[in-house]
Amino acid sequence: SRAYFEDQVMVIFNKGNKPASIEFPVRDEFDYSKAKAHFGHAFSIKDGMLTITLPTNSFELITL
């Protein structure tokens, strides 16, 4: 995750050889209601945690 004022980008990787469900905490100071996944993977942000499932050897960019 990298942030610059009100903008943020999160890059999530699955470098494994099978699909993976990934969960990690997000920064408290941002409003995630308009978060956008640029490669179409579904994700959710609830109770300060981002959850996403990625296929083998893939990645996602989520921006605010």
Protein backbone atom coordinates (compact mmCIF):
# COMPACT_ATOMS: atom_id res chain seq x y z
CA SER A 1 0.00 0.00 0.00
CA ARG A 2 1.19 3.50 -0.83
CA ALA A 3 -0.62 6.74 -0.02
CA TYR A 4 -0.25 10.34 -1.17
CA PHE A 5 -2.62 12.78 0.56
CA GLU A 6 -6.16 11.40 -0.12
CA ASP A 7 -5.02 8.91 -2.79
CA GLN A 8 -4.00 5.35 -2.08
CA VAL A 9 -3.04 2.30 -4.13
CA MET A 10 -2.88 -1.25 -2.83
CA VAL A 11 -1.14 -3.96 -4.87
CA ILE A 12 -1.98 -7.53 -3.91
CA PHE A 13 -0.05 -10.49 -5.33
CA ASN A 14 -0.66 -14.24 -5.38
CA LYS A 15 2.65 -15.74 -6.47
CA GLY A 16 1.57 -19.23 -5.43
CA ASN A 17 0.65 -22.22 -7.57
CA LYS A 18 -3.00 -22.30 -6.42
CA PRO A 19 -5.78 -19.74 -5.78
CA ALA A 20 -5.45 -17.88 -2.48
CA SER A 21 -7.78 -15.96 -0.22
CA ILE A 22 -5.83 -12.99 1.12
CA GLU A 23 -6.81 -10.81 4.07
CA PHE A 24 -4.96 -7.84 5.53
CA PRO A 25 -5.72 -4.68 7.54
CA VAL A 26 -6.33 -1.37 5.78
CA ARG A 27 -5.39 2.11 6.98
CA ASP A 28 -7.96 3.77 9.25
CA GLU A 29 -7.62 7.26 7.79
CA PHE A 30 -9.19 6.50 4.37
CA ASP A 31 -12.77 6.22 3.11
CA TYR A 32 -12.94 2.92 1.21
CA SER A 33 -16.49 3.35 -0.12
CA LYS A 34 -15.18 4.22 -3.62
CA ALA A 35 -12.35 1.67 -3.77
CA LYS A 36 -11.93 0.23 -7.27
CA ALA A 37 -10.33 -3.04 -8.42
CA HIS A 38 -8.64 -2.43 -11.79
CA PHE A 39 -8.43 -6.05 -12.96
CA GLY A 40 -11.94 -7.11 -11.93
CA HIS A 41 -11.29 -9.33 -8.91
CA ALA A 42 -14.05 -9.11 -6.29
CA PHE A 43 -12.98 -7.83 -2.88
CA SER A 44 -14.57 -6.63 0.33
CA ILE A 45 -13.54 -4.27 3.09
CA LYS A 46 -15.22 -4.86 6.43
CA ASP A 47 -14.20 -4.00 9.98
CA GLY A 48 -10.84 -2.63 8.82
CA MET A 49 -9.87 -5.74 6.84
CA LEU A 50 -9.61 -6.18 3.07
CA THR A 51 -10.41 -9.66 1.76
CA ILE A 52 -9.76 -10.81 -1.80
CA THR A 53 -9.36 -14.16 -3.57
CA LEU A 54 -6.82 -14.24 -6.39
CA PRO A 55 -6.11 -16.98 -8.96
CA THR A 56 -2.70 -18.59 -9.34
CA ASN A 57 0.12 -16.17 -10.28
CA SER A 58 -2.06 -13.08 -10.45
CA PHE A 59 -2.35 -9.63 -8.91
CA GLU A 60 -4.83 -6.83 -8.34
CA LEU A 61 -4.55 -3.05 -8.05
CA ILE A 62 -7.06 -1.36 -5.78
CA THR A 63 -7.21 2.43 -5.78
CA LEU A 64 -9.13 5.10 -3.95
